[in-house]
């Protein structure tokens, strides 16, 4: 889950529940074709990992 908000400094501020904000910053910057310093990822403390969100587990 994420929310992306452009700001007045030509940057993208992304609020996400990720545990790896640095990796998200790199990937988002590549997808948008902007320098990494123009992407800010803000992740609140969530208390740990509670299972994957991107893929479904298959037995």
Protein backbone atom coordinates (compact mmCIF):
# COMPACT_ATOMS: atom_id res chain seq x y z
CA UNK A 1 0.00 0.00 0.00
CA UNK A 2 1.37 3.39 -0.94
CA UNK A 3 0.39 7.00 -1.58
CA UNK A 4 2.48 9.19 -3.91
CA UNK A 5 2.22 12.98 -3.75
CA UNK A 6 4.16 15.38 -5.99
CA UNK A 7 5.47 18.42 -4.13
CA UNK A 8 6.31 21.97 -5.16
CA UNK A 9 10.05 21.18 -5.44
CA UNK A 10 9.54 18.79 -8.40
CA UNK A 11 9.93 15.80 -6.07
CA UNK A 12 7.70 12.80 -5.46
CA UNK A 13 6.92 12.01 -1.84
CA UNK A 14 5.82 8.40 -1.35
CA UNK A 15 4.20 7.18 1.86
CA UNK A 16 4.49 3.39 2.03
CA UNK A 17 4.35 0.51 4.49
CA UNK A 18 7.56 -0.92 3.04
CA UNK A 19 10.42 -2.35 5.08
CA UNK A 20 12.96 -1.31 2.41
CA UNK A 21 12.43 2.40 1.66
CA UNK A 22 15.86 2.73 0.03
CA UNK A 23 15.06 0.05 -2.55
CA UNK A 24 11.66 1.62 -3.22
CA UNK A 25 13.34 4.99 -3.79
CA UNK A 26 15.68 3.50 -6.42
CA UNK A 27 12.90 1.61 -8.24
CA UNK A 28 10.46 4.54 -8.22
CA UNK A 29 13.14 6.92 -9.51
CA UNK A 30 13.97 4.52 -12.37
CA UNK A 31 10.29 4.10 -13.28
CA UNK A 32 9.72 7.86 -13.31
CA UNK A 33 13.01 8.63 -15.06
CA UNK A 34 14.09 11.08 -12.37
CA UNK A 35 17.16 11.26 -10.10
CA UNK A 36 16.89 9.36 -6.82
CA UNK A 37 17.19 12.58 -4.81
CA UNK A 38 13.85 13.67 -6.36
CA UNK A 39 12.05 10.75 -4.70
CA UNK A 40 11.41 10.67 -0.96
CA UNK A 41 9.98 7.50 0.60
CA UNK A 42 8.45 7.80 4.04
CA UNK A 43 7.78 4.59 5.94
CA UNK A 44 6.28 4.54 9.41
CA UNK A 45 7.40 1.99 11.95
CA UNK A 46 5.06 -0.96 11.58
CA UNK A 47 6.49 -3.39 14.11
CA UNK A 48 7.89 -6.12 11.87
CA UNK A 49 7.11 -8.30 8.89
CA UNK A 50 3.64 -9.74 8.62
CA UNK A 51 3.92 -11.66 5.36
CA UNK A 52 4.31 -10.68 1.75
CA UNK A 53 2.02 -8.28 -0.06
CA UNK A 54 3.37 -8.56 -3.60
CA UNK A 55 2.98 -12.29 -4.23
CA UNK A 56 0.59 -14.96 -3.17
CA UNK A 57 2.04 -17.95 -1.37
CA UNK A 58 1.62 -21.20 -3.26
CA UNK A 59 1.97 -24.50 -1.39
